[in-house]
């Protein structure tokens, strides 16, 4: 079993549950860490991230992944312990129709560009 910290008590219900093998606890971003601090592997900090409490991430010996709810990671990067993966929510709120048209446009531009290689 892997432990994941969710940012809000209602998050589990809103997500419709967790996949098999995951157990949830809640960390609202404050200085009080849940009792599962020694075994948590995944942390989803609340939005906005509370900078004064980010150094606490270094106290989580089994932490391997931090999933942000925002696209920006500048505030968090200095506090990510070595060996821990940091994921952002970049693109989570994009309109899928716009994303497809941007991809298609980029592809069309690239495929019609026949300049010789330097």
C-alpha atoms as a PDB file:
ATOM      1  CA  UNK A   1       0.000   0.000   0.000  1.00  0.00           C
ATOM      2  CA  UNK A   2       1.202   3.500  -0.872  1.00  0.00           C
ATOM      3  CA  UNK A   3       0.029   6.512   1.086  1.00  0.00           C
ATOM      4  CA  UNK A   4      -1.000   9.699  -0.683  1.00  0.00           C
ATOM      5  CA  UNK A   5      -1.691  12.972   1.090  1.00  0.00           C
ATOM      6  CA  UNK A   6      -4.650  14.852  -0.318  1.00  0.00           C
ATOM      7  CA  UNK A   7      -5.052  18.614   0.254  1.00  0.00           C
ATOM      8  CA  UNK A   8      -8.599  18.549   1.533  1.00  0.00           C
ATOM      9  CA  UNK A   9     -10.865  16.069   3.342  1.00  0.00           C
ATOM     10  CA  UNK A  10     -13.386  16.240   0.476  1.00  0.00           C
ATOM     11  CA  UNK A  11     -10.790  15.453  -2.209  1.00  0.00           C
ATOM     12  CA  UNK A  12     -11.252  11.695  -1.974  1.00  0.00           C
ATOM     13  CA  UNK A  13     -14.999  11.983  -2.554  1.00  0.00           C
ATOM     14  CA  UNK A  14     -14.521  14.459  -5.415  1.00  0.00           C
ATOM     15  CA  UNK A  15     -12.039  12.123  -7.091  1.00  0.00           C
ATOM     16  CA  UNK A  16     -14.424   9.203  -6.834  1.00  0.00           C
ATOM     17  CA  UNK A  17     -11.988   7.179  -4.751  1.00  0.00           C
ATOM     18  CA  UNK A  18      -8.428   6.025  -5.250  1.00  0.00           C
ATOM     19  CA  UNK A  19      -6.964   3.248  -7.354  1.00  0.00           C
ATOM     20  CA  UNK A  20      -6.212  -0.055  -5.642  1.00  0.00           C
ATOM     21  CA  UNK A  21      -2.996   0.091  -3.694  1.00  0.00           C
ATOM     22  CA  UNK A  22      -3.374   3.707  -2.557  1.00  0.00           C
ATOM     23  CA  UNK A  23      -4.525   4.883   0.859  1.00  0.00           C
ATOM     24  CA  UNK A  24      -5.338   8.540   1.512  1.00  0.00           C
ATOM     25  CA  UNK A  25      -4.521  10.850   4.363  1.00  0.00           C
ATOM     26  CA  UNK A  26      -5.032  14.616   4.479  1.00  0.00           C
ATOM     27  CA  UNK A  27      -2.412  17.359   4.798  1.00  0.00           C
ATOM     28  CA  UNK A  28      -3.902  20.827   4.541  1.00  0.00           C
ATOM     29  CA  UNK A  29      -0.474  22.430   4.229  1.00  0.00           C
ATOM     30  CA  UNK A  30       0.004  23.427   7.864  1.00  0.00           C
ATOM     31  CA  UNK A  31       2.789  22.715  10.301  1.00  0.00           C
ATOM     32  CA  UNK A  32       1.015  19.673  11.770  1.00  0.00           C
ATOM     33  CA  UNK A  33       1.862  16.637   9.665  1.00  0.00           C
ATOM     34  CA  UNK A  34      -0.420  13.597   9.573  1.00  0.00           C
ATOM     35  CA  UNK A  35       0.658  10.535  11.563  1.00  0.00           C
ATOM     36  CA  UNK A  36       1.549   8.853   8.238  1.00  0.00           C
ATOM     37  CA  UNK A  37       4.519  11.208   7.704  1.00  0.00           C
ATOM     38  CA  UNK A  38       7.014   8.337   8.020  1.00  0.00           C
ATOM     39  CA  UNK A  39       5.394   6.380   5.187  1.00  0.00           C
ATOM     40  CA  UNK A  40       3.760   8.865   2.778  1.00  0.00           C
ATOM     41  CA  UNK A  41       5.027   8.514  -0.806  1.00  0.00           C
ATOM     42  CA  UNK A  42       2.853  10.996  -2.712  1.00  0.00           C
ATOM     43  CA  UNK A  43       1.917  14.514  -1.600  1.00  0.00           C
ATOM     44  CA  UNK A  44      -0.634  16.767  -3.287  1.00  0.00           C
ATOM     45  CA  UNK A  45      -0.206  20.088  -1.466  1.00  0.00           C
ATOM     46  CA  UNK A  46      -3.153  22.473  -1.228  1.00  0.00           C
ATOM     47  CA  UNK A  47      -3.523  25.431  -3.563  1.00  0.00           C
ATOM     48  CA  UNK A  48      -2.097  27.894  -2.993  1.00  0.00           C
ATOM     49  CA  UNK A  49       1.003  26.252  -1.588  1.00  0.00           C
ATOM     50  CA  UNK A  50       2.026  27.606   1.804  1.00  0.00           C
ATOM     51  CA  UNK A  51       5.704  28.508   1.424  1.00  0.00           C
ATOM     52  CA  UNK A  52       6.501  28.564   5.171  1.00  0.00           C
ATOM     53  CA  UNK A  53       5.584  24.879   5.432  1.00  0.00           C
ATOM     54  CA  UNK A  54       7.353  23.602   2.305  1.00  0.00           C
ATOM     55  CA  UNK A  55      10.577  22.756   4.217  1.00  0.00           C
ATOM     56  CA  UNK A  56       8.533  20.030   5.954  1.00  0.00           C
ATOM     57  CA  UNK A  57       8.675  18.017   2.714  1.00  0.00           C
ATOM     58  CA  UNK A  58      12.311  17.203   3.512  1.00  0.00           C
ATOM     59  CA  UNK A  59      11.126  15.409   6.665  1.00  0.00           C
ATOM     60  CA  UNK A  60       9.202  12.774   4.687  1.00  0.00           C
ATOM     61  CA  UNK A  61      11.634   9.848   4.312  1.00  0.00           C
ATOM     62  CA  UNK A  62       9.624   7.842   1.740  1.00  0.00           C
ATOM     63  CA  UNK A  63       8.399  10.771  -0.377  1.00  0.00           C
ATOM     64  CA  UNK A  64       8.831  10.105  -4.081  1.00  0.00           C
ATOM     65  CA  UNK A  65       6.298  12.368  -5.834  1.00  0.00           C
ATOM     66  CA  UNK A  66       4.802  15.833  -5.337  1.00  0.00           C
ATOM     67  CA  UNK A  67       1.793  16.702  -7.525  1.00  0.00           C
ATOM     68  CA  UNK A  68       0.947  20.405  -7.643  1.00  0.00           C
ATOM     69  CA  UNK A  69      -2.522  21.734  -8.377  1.00  0.00           C
ATOM     70  CA  UNK A  70      -0.987  24.667 -10.258  1.00  0.00           C
ATOM     71  CA  UNK A  71       1.049  25.061 -13.431  1.00  0.00           C
ATOM     72  CA  UNK A  72       3.712  27.142 -11.727  1.00  0.00           C
ATOM     73  CA  UNK A  73       6.337  25.429  -9.605  1.00  0.00           C
ATOM     74  CA  UNK A  74       8.760  28.257  -8.841  1.00  0.00           C
ATOM     75  CA  UNK A  75       7.805  28.480  -5.153  1.00  0.00           C
ATOM     76  CA  UNK A  76       8.128  24.732  -4.630  1.00  0.00           C
ATOM     77  CA  UNK A  77      11.247  23.777  -6.604  1.00  0.00           C
ATOM     78  CA  UNK A  78      13.743  24.904  -3.926  1.00  0.00           C
ATOM     79  CA  UNK A  79      12.052  22.611  -1.384  1.00  0.00           C
ATOM     80  CA  UNK A  80      11.873  19.419  -3.438  1.00  0.00           C
ATOM     81  CA  UNK A  81      14.138  16.843  -1.802  1.00  0.00           C
ATOM     82  CA  UNK A  82      16.700  15.054  -4.003  1.00  0.00           C
ATOM     83  CA  UNK A  83      15.240  12.052  -5.794  1.00  0.00           C
ATOM     84  CA  UNK A  84      11.635  13.298  -5.547  1.00  0.00           C
ATOM     85  CA  UNK A  85       9.651  13.887  -8.744  1.00  0.00           C
ATOM     86  CA  UNK A  86       7.739  17.171  -8.994  1.00  0.00           C
ATOM     87  CA  UNK A  87       4.672  17.265 -11.275  1.00  0.00           C
ATOM     88  CA  UNK A  88       2.633  20.343 -12.147  1.00  0.00           C
ATOM     89  CA  UNK A  89      -0.904  20.766 -13.427  1.00  0.00           C
ATOM     90  CA  UNK A  90       0.254  22.485 -16.621  1.00  0.00           C
ATOM     91  CA  UNK A  91      -2.453  22.094 -19.235  1.00  0.00           C
ATOM     92  CA  UNK A  92      -5.072  20.787 -16.816  1.00  0.00           C
ATOM     93  CA  UNK A  93      -7.403  23.691 -17.541  1.00  0.00           C
ATOM     94  CA  UNK A  94      -6.697  24.017 -21.267  1.00  0.00           C
ATOM     95  CA  UNK A  95      -9.578  23.724 -23.668  1.00  0.00           C
ATOM     96  CA  UNK A  96      -8.949  20.389 -25.462  1.00  0.00           C
ATOM     97  CA  UNK A  97     -10.279  21.840 -28.731  1.00  0.00           C
ATOM     98  CA  UNK A  98      -7.708  24.628 -28.600  1.00  0.00           C
ATOM     99  CA  UNK A  99      -4.933  22.203 -27.755  1.00  0.00           C
ATOM    100  CA  UNK A 100      -5.754  20.088 -30.841  1.00  0.00           C
ATOM    101  CA  UNK A 101      -5.817  23.111 -33.129  1.00  0.00           C
ATOM    102  CA  UNK A 102      -2.514  24.401 -31.735  1.00  0.00           C
ATOM    103  CA  UNK A 103      -0.918  20.990 -32.293  1.00  0.00           C
ATOM    104  CA  UNK A 104      -2.293  20.799 -35.801  1.00  0.00           C
ATOM    105  CA  UNK A 105      -1.124  24.335 -36.541  1.00  0.00           C
ATOM    106  CA  UNK A 106       2.350  23.608 -35.237  1.00  0.00           C
ATOM    107  CA  UNK A 107       2.478  20.432 -37.314  1.00  0.00           C
ATOM    108  CA  UNK A 108       1.305  22.238 -40.455  1.00  0.00           C
ATOM    109  CA  UNK A 109       3.897  24.956 -39.936  1.00  0.00           C
ATOM    110  CA  UNK A 110       6.687  22.437 -39.401  1.00  0.00           C
ATOM    111  CA  UNK A 111       5.691  20.244 -42.346  1.00  0.00           C
ATOM    112  CA  UNK A 112       5.496  23.208 -44.743  1.00  0.00           C
ATOM    113  CA  UNK A 113       8.880  24.603 -43.706  1.00  0.00           C
ATOM    114  CA  UNK A 114      11.396  23.214 -46.224  1.00  0.00           C
ATOM    115  CA  UNK A 115      14.456  25.274 -45.406  1.00  0.00           C
ATOM    116  CA  UNK A 116      17.717  23.404 -45.867  1.00  0.00           C
ATOM    117  CA  UNK A 117      19.465  22.256 -42.711  1.00  0.00           C
ATOM    118  CA  UNK A 118      22.403  24.476 -41.647  1.00  0.00           C
END
